[in-house]
C-alpha atoms as a PDB file:
ATOM      1  CA  MET A   1       3.167  15.955   8.881  1.00  0.00           C
ATOM      2  CA  ASP A   2       0.142  17.355   7.055  1.00  0.00           C
ATOM      3  CA  THR A   3       2.565  19.965   5.261  1.00  0.00           C
ATOM      4  CA  LEU A   4       4.938  16.891   4.235  1.00  0.00           C
ATOM      5  CA  LEU A   5       2.301  14.745   2.823  1.00  0.00           C
ATOM      6  CA  GLN A   6       0.724  17.883   0.931  1.00  0.00           C
ATOM      7  CA  ILE A   7       4.182  18.446  -0.642  1.00  0.00           C
ATOM      8  CA  VAL A   8       4.724  14.731  -1.654  1.00  0.00           C
ATOM      9  CA  MET A   9       1.046  14.752  -3.516  1.00  0.00           C
ATOM     10  CA  VAL A  10       2.197  18.194  -5.548  1.00  0.00           C
ATOM     11  CA  PHE A  11       5.526  15.786  -6.867  1.00  0.00           C
ATOM     12  CA  PHE A  12       3.289  12.958  -7.218  1.00  0.00           C
ATOM     13  CA  LEU A  13       0.951  14.698  -9.525  1.00  0.00           C
ATOM     14  CA  MET A  14       3.850  16.523 -11.432  1.00  0.00           C
ATOM     15  CA  SER A  15       5.609  13.138 -11.975  1.00  0.00           C
ATOM     16  CA  LEU A  16       2.342  12.158 -14.238  1.00  0.00           C
ATOM     17  CA  GLY A  17       3.132  15.027 -16.577  1.00  0.00           C
ATOM     18  CA  GLY A  18       6.883  14.111 -16.457  1.00  0.00           C
ATOM     19  CA  PHE A  19       6.018  10.529 -17.194  1.00  0.00           C
ATOM     20  CA  ALA A  20       3.702  11.581 -20.109  1.00  0.00           C
ATOM     21  CA  ARG A  21       6.908  13.916 -21.191  1.00  0.00           C
ATOM     22  CA  ARG A  22       9.525  11.025 -21.049  1.00  0.00           C
ATOM     23  CA  ARG A  23       7.282   8.485 -22.770  1.00  0.00           C
ATOM     24  CA  GLY A  24       6.168  10.939 -25.868  1.00  0.00           C
ATOM     25  CA  MET A  25       2.869  11.205 -25.018  1.00  0.00           C
ATOM     26  CA  LEU A  26       3.172  14.794 -24.184  1.00  0.00           C
ATOM     27  CA  SER A  27       5.528  16.842 -26.301  1.00  0.00           C
ATOM     28  CA  ARG A  28       6.965  20.506 -26.109  1.00  0.00           C
ATOM     29  CA  GLN A  29       4.122  21.837 -28.738  1.00  0.00           C
ATOM     30  CA  GLY A  30       1.784  19.811 -26.270  1.00  0.00           C
ATOM     31  CA  THR A  31       2.673  21.121 -23.138  1.00  0.00           C
ATOM     32  CA  GLY A  32       2.430  24.800 -24.274  1.00  0.00           C
ATOM     33  CA  ASP A  33      -0.949  24.096 -25.387  1.00  0.00           C
ATOM     34  CA  LEU A  34      -2.155  22.742 -22.466  1.00  0.00           C
ATOM     35  CA  ALA A  35      -0.661  25.715 -20.685  1.00  0.00           C
ATOM     36  CA  ARG A  36      -2.866  28.067 -22.988  1.00  0.00           C
ATOM     37  CA  ILE A  37      -5.918  25.853 -22.524  1.00  0.00           C
ATOM     38  CA  LEU A  38      -5.556  26.467 -18.991  1.00  0.00           C
ATOM     39  CA  VAL A  39      -5.273  30.377 -19.182  1.00  0.00           C
ATOM     40  CA  VAL A  40      -8.155  30.567 -21.435  1.00  0.00           C
ATOM     41  CA  ILE A  41     -10.580  28.070 -20.322  1.00  0.00           C
ATOM     42  CA  PHE A  42      -9.699  26.104 -17.138  1.00  0.00           C
ATOM     43  CA  TYR A  43      -8.678  29.112 -14.787  1.00  0.00           C
ATOM     44  CA  PRO A  44     -11.094  31.420 -15.541  1.00  0.00           C
ATOM     45  CA  ALA A  45     -13.673  28.668 -14.793  1.00  0.00           C
ATOM     46  CA  LEU A  46     -12.061  28.037 -11.374  1.00  0.00           C
ATOM     47  CA  ILE A  47     -12.161  31.780 -10.545  1.00  0.00           C
ATOM     48  CA  PHE A  48     -15.632  32.111 -11.416  1.00  0.00           C
ATOM     49  CA  ASP A  49     -16.962  28.950  -9.726  1.00  0.00           C
ATOM     50  CA  SER A  50     -14.872  30.036  -6.289  1.00  0.00           C
ATOM     51  CA  ILE A  51     -16.275  33.775  -6.022  1.00  0.00           C
ATOM     52  CA  THR A  52     -19.711  33.121  -7.289  1.00  0.00           C
ATOM     53  CA  ARG A  53     -19.988  30.769  -4.089  1.00  0.00           C
ATOM     54  CA  MET A  54     -19.337  34.080  -2.120  1.00  0.00           C
ATOM     55  CA  THR A  55     -21.919  36.602  -1.057  1.00  0.00           C
ATOM     56  CA  VAL A  56     -21.944  40.406  -1.158  1.00  0.00           C
ATOM     57  CA  THR A  57     -21.798  40.408   2.753  1.00  0.00           C
ATOM     58  CA  GLN A  58     -18.950  37.735   2.753  1.00  0.00           C
ATOM     59  CA  LEU A  59     -16.931  40.074   0.267  1.00  0.00           C
ATOM     60  CA  TRP A  60     -17.451  43.130   2.160  1.00  0.00           C
ATOM     61  CA  ASP A  61     -16.974  41.561   6.079  1.00  0.00           C
ATOM     62  CA  ASN A  62     -13.675  40.019   4.761  1.00  0.00           C
ATOM     63  CA  ARG A  63     -12.396  42.721   2.058  1.00  0.00           C
ATOM     64  CA  VAL A  64      -9.217  43.227   4.352  1.00  0.00           C
ATOM     65  CA  MET A  65      -8.092  39.863   3.325  1.00  0.00           C
ATOM     66  CA  PRO A  66      -7.448  40.744  -0.572  1.00  0.00           C
ATOM     67  CA  ALA A  67      -5.757  43.651   0.685  1.00  0.00           C
ATOM     68  CA  MET A  68      -3.341  41.444   3.265  1.00  0.00           C
ATOM     69  CA  THR A  69      -2.171  39.280   0.266  1.00  0.00           C
ATOM     70  CA  LEU A  70      -1.505  42.323  -2.215  1.00  0.00           C
ATOM     71  CA  LEU A  71       0.655  43.416   1.115  1.00  0.00           C
ATOM     72  CA  ILE A  72       2.368  39.899   0.659  1.00  0.00           C
ATOM     73  CA  ALA A  73       2.760  40.231  -2.839  1.00  0.00           C
ATOM     74  CA  GLY A  74       3.945  43.526  -2.828  1.00  0.00           C
ATOM     75  CA  LEU A  75       6.308  43.055  -0.244  1.00  0.00           C
ATOM     76  CA  GLY A  76       7.881  40.481  -2.543  1.00  0.00           C
ATOM     77  CA  LEU A  77       8.079  42.518  -5.592  1.00  0.00           C
ATOM     78  CA  VAL A  78       9.987  45.212  -3.614  1.00  0.00           C
ATOM     79  CA  LEU A  79      12.524  42.665  -2.255  1.00  0.00           C
ATOM     80  CA  GLY A  80      12.549  40.993  -5.946  1.00  0.00           C
ATOM     81  CA  VAL A  81      13.214  44.487  -7.562  1.00  0.00           C
ATOM     82  CA  ILE A  82      16.003  45.413  -4.842  1.00  0.00           C
ATOM     83  CA  THR A  83      17.867  42.391  -5.199  1.00  0.00           C
ATOM     84  CA  LEU A  84      17.564  42.224  -9.326  1.00  0.00           C
ATOM     85  CA  ARG A  85      19.085  45.884  -9.066  1.00  0.00           C
ATOM     86  CA  ARG A  86      22.125  44.260  -7.272  1.00  0.00           C
ATOM     87  CA  ILE A  87      22.827  40.853  -9.263  1.00  0.00           C
ATOM     88  CA  LYS A  88      21.626  42.308 -12.789  1.00  0.00           C
ATOM     89  CA  PRO A  89      20.232  39.430 -14.651  1.00  0.00           C
ATOM     90  CA  GLU A  90      21.520  38.500 -18.226  1.00  0.00           C
ATOM     91  CA  ASN A  91      18.200  39.471 -20.072  1.00  0.00           C
ATOM     92  CA  THR A  92      14.828  40.464 -19.558  1.00  0.00           C
ATOM     93  CA  ALA A  93      13.267  37.378 -19.799  1.00  0.00           C
ATOM     94  CA  ARG A  94      15.381  35.946 -16.522  1.00  0.00           C
ATOM     95  CA  ALA A  95      14.463  39.180 -14.750  1.00  0.00           C
ATOM     96  CA  GLY A  96      10.760  38.945 -15.251  1.00  0.00           C
ATOM     97  CA  ALA A  97      10.916  35.061 -14.007  1.00  0.00           C
ATOM     98  CA  PHE A  98      12.939  36.506 -11.082  1.00  0.00           C
ATOM     99  CA  LEU A  99      10.259  39.068 -10.412  1.00  0.00           C
ATOM    100  CA  PHE A 100       7.420  36.474 -10.799  1.00  0.00           C
ATOM    101  CA  GLN A 101       8.778  34.040  -8.304  1.00  0.00           C
ATOM    102  CA  SER A 102       9.562  36.499  -5.823  1.00  0.00           C
ATOM    103  CA  THR A 103       5.945  38.102  -6.106  1.00  0.00           C
ATOM    104  CA  ILE A 104       3.836  35.282  -6.341  1.00  0.00           C
ATOM    105  CA  ASN A 105       3.791  31.836  -4.469  1.00  0.00           C
ATOM    106  CA  ASN A 106       1.828  28.903  -4.189  1.00  0.00           C
ATOM    107  CA  TYR A 107      -1.273  30.947  -2.445  1.00  0.00           C
ATOM    108  CA  LEU A 108      -4.059  28.615  -2.970  1.00  0.00           C
ATOM    109  CA  PHE A 109      -3.348  24.570  -3.680  1.00  0.00           C
ATOM    110  CA  LEU A 110      -1.447  23.813  -1.041  1.00  0.00           C
ATOM    111  CA  PRO A 111      -2.561  26.038   1.821  1.00  0.00           C
ATOM    112  CA  LEU A 112      -6.087  24.663   1.123  1.00  0.00           C
ATOM    113  CA  PRO A 113      -5.644  21.325   3.475  1.00  0.00           C
ATOM    114  CA  LEU A 114      -3.499  23.199   5.825  1.00  0.00           C
ATOM    115  CA  VAL A 115      -6.361  25.933   6.272  1.00  0.00           C
ATOM    116  CA  ALA A 116      -9.199  23.114   6.403  1.00  0.00           C
ATOM    117  CA  LEU A 117      -7.756  20.985   9.083  1.00  0.00           C
ATOM    118  CA  ARG A 118      -6.699  24.041  11.529  1.00  0.00           C
ATOM    119  CA  PHE A 119      -9.370  26.963  10.498  1.00  0.00           C
ATOM    120  CA  GLY A 120     -12.096  24.374   9.244  1.00  0.00           C
ATOM    121  CA  GLN A 121     -14.989  26.232   6.503  1.00  0.00           C
ATOM    122  CA  GLU A 122     -14.489  29.934   7.980  1.00  0.00           C
ATOM    123  CA  GLY A 123     -11.025  29.588   7.407  1.00  0.00           C
ATOM    124  CA  LEU A 124     -11.590  28.197   3.917  1.00  0.00           C
ATOM    125  CA  SER A 125     -13.958  30.972   3.011  1.00  0.00           C
ATOM    126  CA  LEU A 126     -11.132  33.155   4.276  1.00  0.00           C
ATOM    127  CA  LEU A 127      -8.692  31.646   1.916  1.00  0.00           C
ATOM    128  CA  VAL A 128     -10.454  31.932  -1.566  1.00  0.00           C
ATOM    129  CA  PHE A 129     -11.667  35.234  -0.740  1.00  0.00           C
ATOM    130  CA  ALA A 130      -7.837  36.117   0.049  1.00  0.00           C
ATOM    131  CA  ALA A 131      -6.530  34.451  -2.984  1.00  0.00           C
ATOM    132  CA  MET A 132      -8.424  37.177  -5.124  1.00  0.00           C
ATOM    133  CA  GLY A 133      -5.500  39.832  -4.091  1.00  0.00           C
ATOM    134  CA  PHE A 134      -2.789  37.425  -5.380  1.00  0.00           C
ATOM    135  CA  GLU A 135      -5.342  36.780  -8.736  1.00  0.00           C
ATOM    136  CA  LEU A 136      -5.329  40.595  -9.235  1.00  0.00           C
ATOM    137  CA  THR A 137      -1.402  41.096  -8.910  1.00  0.00           C
ATOM    138  CA  VAL A 138      -0.974  38.010 -11.396  1.00  0.00           C
ATOM    139  CA  TRP A 139      -3.216  39.305 -13.708  1.00  0.00           C
ATOM    140  CA  SER A 140      -1.679  43.111 -13.745  1.00  0.00           C
ATOM    141  CA  VAL A 141       1.842  43.212 -12.662  1.00  0.00           C
ATOM    142  CA  GLY A 142       2.524  39.703 -13.174  1.00  0.00           C
ATOM    143  CA  VAL A 143       1.580  39.223 -16.581  1.00  0.00           C
ATOM    144  CA  LEU A 144       3.783  42.008 -17.649  1.00  0.00           C
ATOM    145  CA  PHE A 145       6.891  40.250 -16.376  1.00  0.00           C
ATOM    146  CA  PHE A 146       6.623  37.776 -19.142  1.00  0.00           C
ATOM    147  CA  ASN A 147       5.850  40.431 -21.622  1.00  0.00           C
ATOM    148  CA  ARG A 148       8.295  43.488 -20.871  1.00  0.00           C
ATOM    149  CA  VAL A 149       9.660  43.450 -24.706  1.00  0.00           C
ATOM    150  CA  ARG A 150       6.193  43.493 -26.153  1.00  0.00           C
ATOM    151  CA  GLY A 151       5.203  47.022 -24.894  1.00  0.00           C
ATOM    152  CA  VAL A 152       2.629  48.569 -22.676  1.00  0.00           C
ATOM    153  CA  THR A 153      -0.210  48.082 -25.131  1.00  0.00           C
ATOM    154  CA  GLU A 154       0.385  44.198 -25.728  1.00  0.00           C
ATOM    155  CA  GLY A 155       0.899  44.139 -21.918  1.00  0.00           C
ATOM    156  CA  LEU A 156      -2.451  45.232 -21.363  1.00  0.00           C
ATOM    157  CA  ARG A 157      -4.247  43.422 -23.917  1.00  0.00           C
ATOM    158  CA  ILE A 158      -2.891  40.099 -22.326  1.00  0.00           C
ATOM    159  CA  MET A 159      -3.432  41.401 -18.827  1.00  0.00           C
ATOM    160  CA  PHE A 160      -7.474  41.979 -19.457  1.00  0.00           C
ATOM    161  CA  GLY A 161      -7.828  38.181 -20.444  1.00  0.00           C
ATOM    162  CA  PRO A 162     -10.235  35.480 -19.980  1.00  0.00           C
ATOM    163  CA  PRO A 163      -9.215  35.028 -15.687  1.00  0.00           C
ATOM    164  CA  LEU A 164      -9.413  38.990 -15.204  1.00  0.00           C
ATOM    165  CA  ILE A 165     -12.307  38.845 -16.885  1.00  0.00           C
ATOM    166  CA  ALA A 166     -13.723  36.298 -15.265  1.00  0.00           C
ATOM    167  CA  MET A 167     -12.904  37.721 -11.671  1.00  0.00           C
ATOM    168  CA  LEU A 168     -14.757  41.109 -12.701  1.00  0.00           C
ATOM    169  CA  ILE A 169     -17.496  39.498 -14.094  1.00  0.00           C
ATOM    170  CA  SER A 170     -18.041  37.254 -11.044  1.00  0.00           C
ATOM    171  CA  ILE A 171     -17.745  40.090  -8.828  1.00  0.00           C
ATOM    172  CA  LEU A 172     -20.424  41.900 -10.884  1.00  0.00           C
ATOM    173  CA  TRP A 173     -22.544  38.637 -10.858  1.00  0.00           C
ATOM    174  CA  ILE A 174     -22.565  38.637  -7.032  1.00  0.00           C
ATOM    175  CA  SER A 175     -23.493  42.133  -6.653  1.00  0.00           C
ATOM    176  CA  ILE A 176     -26.438  42.150  -9.063  1.00  0.00           C
ATOM    177  CA  ARG A 177     -27.802  38.789  -7.618  1.00  0.00           C
ATOM    178  CA  ASP A 178     -27.345  39.743  -3.833  1.00  0.00           C
ATOM    179  CA  LEU A 179     -27.971  43.638  -3.833  1.00  0.00           C
ATOM    180  CA  THR A 180     -31.367  43.459  -6.474  1.00  0.00           C
ATOM    181  CA  GLY A 181     -32.368  40.069  -6.114  1.00  0.00           C
ATOM    182  CA  PHE A 182     -32.134  39.850  -9.898  1.00  0.00           C
ATOM    183  CA  THR A 183     -33.480  36.203 -11.227  1.00  0.00           C
ATOM    184  CA  VAL A 184     -34.317  35.195 -14.882  1.00  0.00           C
ATOM    185  CA  PRO A 185     -37.529  33.290 -15.106  1.00  0.00           C
ATOM    186  CA  LEU A 186     -37.363  30.349 -17.010  1.00  0.00           C
ATOM    187  CA  PRO A 187     -40.125  28.118 -18.374  1.00  0.00           C
ATOM    188  CA  GLY A 188     -40.629  24.122 -18.168  1.00  0.00           C
ATOM    189  CA  ALA A 189     -37.079  22.185 -18.625  1.00  0.00           C
ATOM    190  CA  LEU A 190     -35.280  25.370 -19.014  1.00  0.00           C
ATOM    191  CA  SER A 191     -35.459  25.747 -15.164  1.00  0.00           C
ATOM    192  CA  ARG A 192     -32.893  23.438 -14.572  1.00  0.00           C
ATOM    193  CA  LEU A 193     -30.241  25.438 -16.955  1.00  0.00           C
ATOM    194  CA  PRO A 194     -28.548  27.516 -14.541  1.00  0.00           C
ATOM    195  CA  GLU A 195     -27.896  24.517 -12.211  1.00  0.00           C
ATOM    196  CA  LEU A 196     -26.521  22.536 -15.310  1.00  0.00           C
ATOM    197  CA  LEU A 197     -24.327  25.450 -16.320  1.00  0.00           C
ATOM    198  CA  GLU A 198     -22.976  25.604 -13.036  1.00  0.00           C
ATOM    199  CA  PHE A 199     -22.120  21.931 -12.872  1.00  0.00           C
ATOM    200  CA  GLY A 200     -20.377  22.590 -16.008  1.00  0.00           C
ATOM    201  CA  VAL A 201     -18.313  25.701 -14.677  1.00  0.00           C
ATOM    202  CA  THR A 202     -17.328  23.563 -11.762  1.00  0.00           C
ATOM    203  CA  THR A 203     -16.319  20.635 -13.586  1.00  0.00           C
ATOM    204  CA  VAL A 204     -14.116  22.561 -15.945  1.00  0.00           C
ATOM    205  CA  GLY A 205     -12.786  24.897 -13.082  1.00  0.00           C
ATOM    206  CA  ARG A 206     -12.049  21.591 -11.126  1.00  0.00           C
ATOM    207  CA  ALA A 207      -9.503  20.354 -13.445  1.00  0.00           C
ATOM    208  CA  THR A 208      -7.389  23.343 -13.258  1.00  0.00           C
ATOM    209  CA  VAL A 209      -4.934  21.969 -10.526  1.00  0.00           C
ATOM    210  CA  ALA A 210      -4.537  18.342 -11.917  1.00  0.00           C
ATOM    211  CA  VAL A 211      -3.940  19.834 -15.630  1.00  0.00           C
ATOM    212  CA  SER A 212      -1.240  22.703 -14.110  1.00  0.00           C
ATOM    213  CA  MET A 213       0.945  19.871 -12.160  1.00  0.00           C
ATOM    214  CA  ILE A 214       0.679  18.007 -15.593  1.00  0.00           C
ATOM    215  CA  VAL A 215       1.964  20.683 -17.371  1.00  0.00           C
ATOM    216  CA  ALA A 216       4.691  21.656 -14.516  1.00  0.00           C
ATOM    217  CA  GLY A 217       5.859  18.212 -14.402  1.00  0.00           C
ATOM    218  CA  SER A 218       6.167  17.944 -18.121  1.00  0.00           C
ATOM    219  CA  ARG A 219       8.636  20.809 -18.036  1.00  0.00           C
ATOM    220  CA  ILE A 220      10.584  20.080 -15.085  1.00  0.00           C
ATOM    221  CA  SER A 221      11.367  16.436 -16.426  1.00  0.00           C
ATOM    222  CA  VAL A 222      13.447  17.835 -19.102  1.00  0.00           C
ATOM    223  CA  LEU A 223      15.146  20.679 -16.895  1.00  0.00           C
ATOM    224  CA  ARG A 224      18.929  20.404 -17.210  1.00  0.00           C
ATOM    225  CA  PRO A 225      20.707  19.625 -13.951  1.00  0.00           C
ATOM    226  CA  ALA A 226      22.962  22.691 -14.267  1.00  0.00           C
ATOM    227  CA  SER A 227      19.626  24.577 -14.044  1.00  0.00           C
ATOM    228  CA  ILE A 228      19.727  23.912 -10.294  1.00  0.00           C
ATOM    229  CA  GLN A 229      22.846  24.896  -9.619  1.00  0.00           C
ATOM    230  CA  ASP A 230      22.063  28.500 -11.112  1.00  0.00           C
ATOM    231  CA  PRO A 231      23.082  30.670  -7.921  1.00  0.00           C
ATOM    232  CA  GLN A 232      19.925  32.970  -9.121  1.00  0.00           C
ATOM    233  CA  VAL A 233      17.666  30.030  -8.538  1.00  0.00           C
ATOM    234  CA  TRP A 234      18.884  29.501  -5.134  1.00  0.00           C
ATOM    235  CA  LEU A 235      18.846  33.552  -4.413  1.00  0.00           C
ATOM    236  CA  VAL A 236      15.005  33.546  -5.623  1.00  0.00           C
ATOM    237  CA  SER A 237      14.385  30.242  -3.160  1.00  0.00           C
ATOM    238  CA  THR A 238      15.843  31.752  -0.202  1.00  0.00           C
ATOM    239  CA  LEU A 239      13.516  35.209  -0.769  1.00  0.00           C
ATOM    240  CA  ARG A 240      10.490  32.830  -1.211  1.00  0.00           C
ATOM    241  CA  LEU A 241      11.023  30.253   1.513  1.00  0.00           C
ATOM    242  CA  VAL A 242      12.749  32.737   4.240  1.00  0.00           C
ATOM    243  CA  VAL A 243      13.091  36.134   3.855  1.00  0.00           C
ATOM    244  CA  ILE A 244       9.775  37.180   2.224  1.00  0.00           C
ATOM    245  CA  PRO A 245       7.720  35.170   5.071  1.00  0.00           C
ATOM    246  CA  VAL A 246       9.765  35.938   7.893  1.00  0.00           C
ATOM    247  CA  LEU A 247       9.155  39.855   6.935  1.00  0.00           C
ATOM    248  CA  ALA A 248       5.151  39.090   6.214  1.00  0.00           C
ATOM    249  CA  ILE A 249       4.935  37.424   9.432  1.00  0.00           C
ATOM    250  CA  LEU A 250       6.052  39.918  11.307  1.00  0.00           C
ATOM    251  CA  LEU A 251       3.586  42.729   9.379  1.00  0.00           C
ATOM    252  CA  LEU A 252       0.811  40.481  10.160  1.00  0.00           C
ATOM    253  CA  ASN A 253       1.447  40.249  13.811  1.00  0.00           C
ATOM    254  CA  ARG A 254       1.456  44.266  13.694  1.00  0.00           C
ATOM    255  CA  MET A 255      -2.238  44.084  12.080  1.00  0.00           C
ATOM    256  CA  GLN A 256      -5.641  44.411  13.836  1.00  0.00           C
ATOM    257  CA  LEU A 257      -6.922  41.080  12.532  1.00  0.00           C
ATOM    258  CA  GLY A 258      -8.869  38.512  13.471  1.00  0.00           C
ATOM    259  CA  GLU A 259      -7.168  34.832  15.138  1.00  0.00           C
ATOM    260  CA  THR A 260      -8.604  33.070  12.084  1.00  0.00           C
ATOM    261  CA  ALA A 261      -7.788  35.722   9.561  1.00  0.00           C
ATOM    262  CA  ARG A 262      -4.165  36.233  10.460  1.00  0.00           C
ATOM    263  CA  GLY A 263      -3.730  32.331  10.593  1.00  0.00           C
ATOM    264  CA  VAL A 264      -4.632  31.865   7.432  1.00  0.00           C
ATOM    265  CA  LEU A 265      -2.869  34.723   6.037  1.00  0.00           C
ATOM    266  CA  CYS A 266       0.487  33.407   7.664  1.00  0.00           C
ATOM    267  CA  VAL A 267       0.009  29.746   6.328  1.00  0.00           C
ATOM    268  CA  VAL A 268      -0.142  31.841   2.558  1.00  0.00           C
ATOM    269  CA  ALA A 269       2.709  33.992   3.374  1.00  0.00           C
ATOM    270  CA  VAL A 270       5.150  30.762   4.024  1.00  0.00           C
ATOM    271  CA  MET A 271       4.041  29.103   1.060  1.00  0.00           C
ATOM    272  CA  PRO A 272       6.589  27.920  -2.039  1.00  0.00           C
ATOM    273  CA  ALA A 273       6.597  29.414  -5.610  1.00  0.00           C
ATOM    274  CA  ALA A 274       3.672  29.143  -7.617  1.00  0.00           C
ATOM    275  CA  VAL A 275       2.857  26.117  -9.844  1.00  0.00           C
ATOM    276  CA  THR A 276       1.454  28.842 -12.284  1.00  0.00           C
ATOM    277  CA  SER A 277       4.424  30.525 -12.785  1.00  0.00           C
ATOM    278  CA  LEU A 278       5.281  28.064 -15.139  1.00  0.00           C
ATOM    279  CA  ILE A 279       2.199  27.813 -16.957  1.00  0.00           C
ATOM    280  CA  PHE A 280       2.762  31.556 -17.491  1.00  0.00           C
ATOM    281  CA  SER A 281       6.131  30.915 -18.565  1.00  0.00           C
ATOM    282  CA  GLU A 282       5.054  28.095 -21.344  1.00  0.00           C
ATOM    283  CA  ARG A 283       2.372  30.494 -22.378  1.00  0.00           C
ATOM    284  CA  PHE A 284       4.339  33.786 -22.618  1.00  0.00           C
ATOM    285  CA  ASN A 285       7.621  32.568 -23.566  1.00  0.00           C
ATOM    286  CA  GLY A 286       8.977  33.207 -20.483  1.00  0.00           C
ATOM    287  CA  ASP A 287      12.560  31.718 -18.768  1.00  0.00           C
ATOM    288  CA  SER A 288      11.022  28.529 -18.179  1.00  0.00           C
ATOM    289  CA  GLU A 289      14.421  26.685 -17.224  1.00  0.00           C
ATOM    290  CA  PHE A 290      15.252  29.252 -14.462  1.00  0.00           C
ATOM    291  CA  ILE A 291      11.134  29.041 -13.538  1.00  0.00           C
ATOM    292  CA  ALA A 292      11.247  25.357 -13.640  1.00  0.00           C
ATOM    293  CA  ALA A 293      14.409  25.188 -11.637  1.00  0.00           C
ATOM    294  CA  SER A 294      13.302  27.511  -9.087  1.00  0.00           C
ATOM    295  CA  LEU A 295      10.069  25.633  -8.575  1.00  0.00           C
ATOM    296  CA  LEU A 296      11.727  22.361  -7.741  1.00  0.00           C
ATOM    297  CA  VAL A 297      13.854  23.682  -5.334  1.00  0.00           C
ATOM    298  CA  THR A 298      11.292  25.966  -3.558  1.00  0.00           C
ATOM    299  CA  HIS A 299       9.198  22.812  -3.456  1.00  0.00           C
ATOM    300  CA  LEU A 300      11.496  20.339  -1.925  1.00  0.00           C
ATOM    301  CA  PHE A 301      12.759  22.686   0.742  1.00  0.00           C
ATOM    302  CA  ALA A 302       9.283  23.764   1.828  1.00  0.00           C
ATOM    303  CA  VAL A 303       9.155  20.394   3.419  1.00  0.00           C
ATOM    304  CA  VAL A 304      11.518  22.133   6.245  1.00  0.00           C
ATOM    305  CA  THR A 305      10.727  25.858   5.964  1.00  0.00           C
ATOM    306  CA  VAL A 306       6.990  25.865   6.161  1.00  0.00           C
ATOM    307  CA  PRO A 307       6.479  23.725   9.131  1.00  0.00           C
ATOM    308  CA  VAL A 308       9.315  25.845  11.218  1.00  0.00           C
ATOM    309  CA  LEU A 309       7.705  29.295  10.081  1.00  0.00           C
ATOM    310  CA  LEU A 310       4.096  28.164  11.047  1.00  0.00           C
ATOM    311  CA  LEU A 311       5.329  26.443  14.381  1.00  0.00           C
ATOM    312  CA  TRP A 312       6.961  29.986  14.925  1.00  0.00           C
ATOM    313  CA  ALA A 313       3.911  32.106  13.424  1.00  0.00           C
ATOM    314  CA  LEU A 314       1.003  29.977  14.732  1.00  0.00           C
END
């Protein structure tokens, strides 16, 4: 029931974007502009806010978590590449979209309530840290999926954009803060400046999920019905919802992991396609039609596959 309610909430939030697009409040250009703002402002703030809430000790003690999510993403990438060699997509944009959808899933927003209910605060901390594995994947090979025709130099320039820089700065700041005890003494009223800055970053970061859903809903609302009938949409959806989760759970069961850590990773592994995939596609001129269709299909069928897989895994 919890999973069903989460997915229903996802559709509700996306419907707001669809409503805005249909009523003329949000245009195609406006959707693209929102996607750009997400990548440059909202998303980096969310990354910084989430990571800096942890300590160096927590990062080190749980270092296996991002490694495991890197493994899950890598499994999806390998299966995506193998599948692409057989289906031979029509162009590089479709190939990049297919690889992104098979590699990256909804690794943070959807798992949050499930993990909180089942594993409590310990599980939430592990989930946030584990998400770094996917974040590294997104901002390394992920951005290159949408920039295959621009060359390596352009791809690297985009890869080292605000989100990845925010992640690196966050880890550096935590290390300096906790290992050296470094602080900046501020006089008088300025002593509240760090607190106010933290409030500002947190407020901006919290807008990420809502704005992401609006952008996704805006794009899905103009989706052509024929796009959902595309066999490649159903193929990548099967990979994302069934094949990759089953293999990932089998691998996780063979790892020496604590019960909570393994449980959190299993929840992450069974999630549908990432809403952020559409943000990337809109931002970097990818195959948004294909991504919107696979996003819709995977979230619809996740109502069935996620509870069944978690019942088996947990």
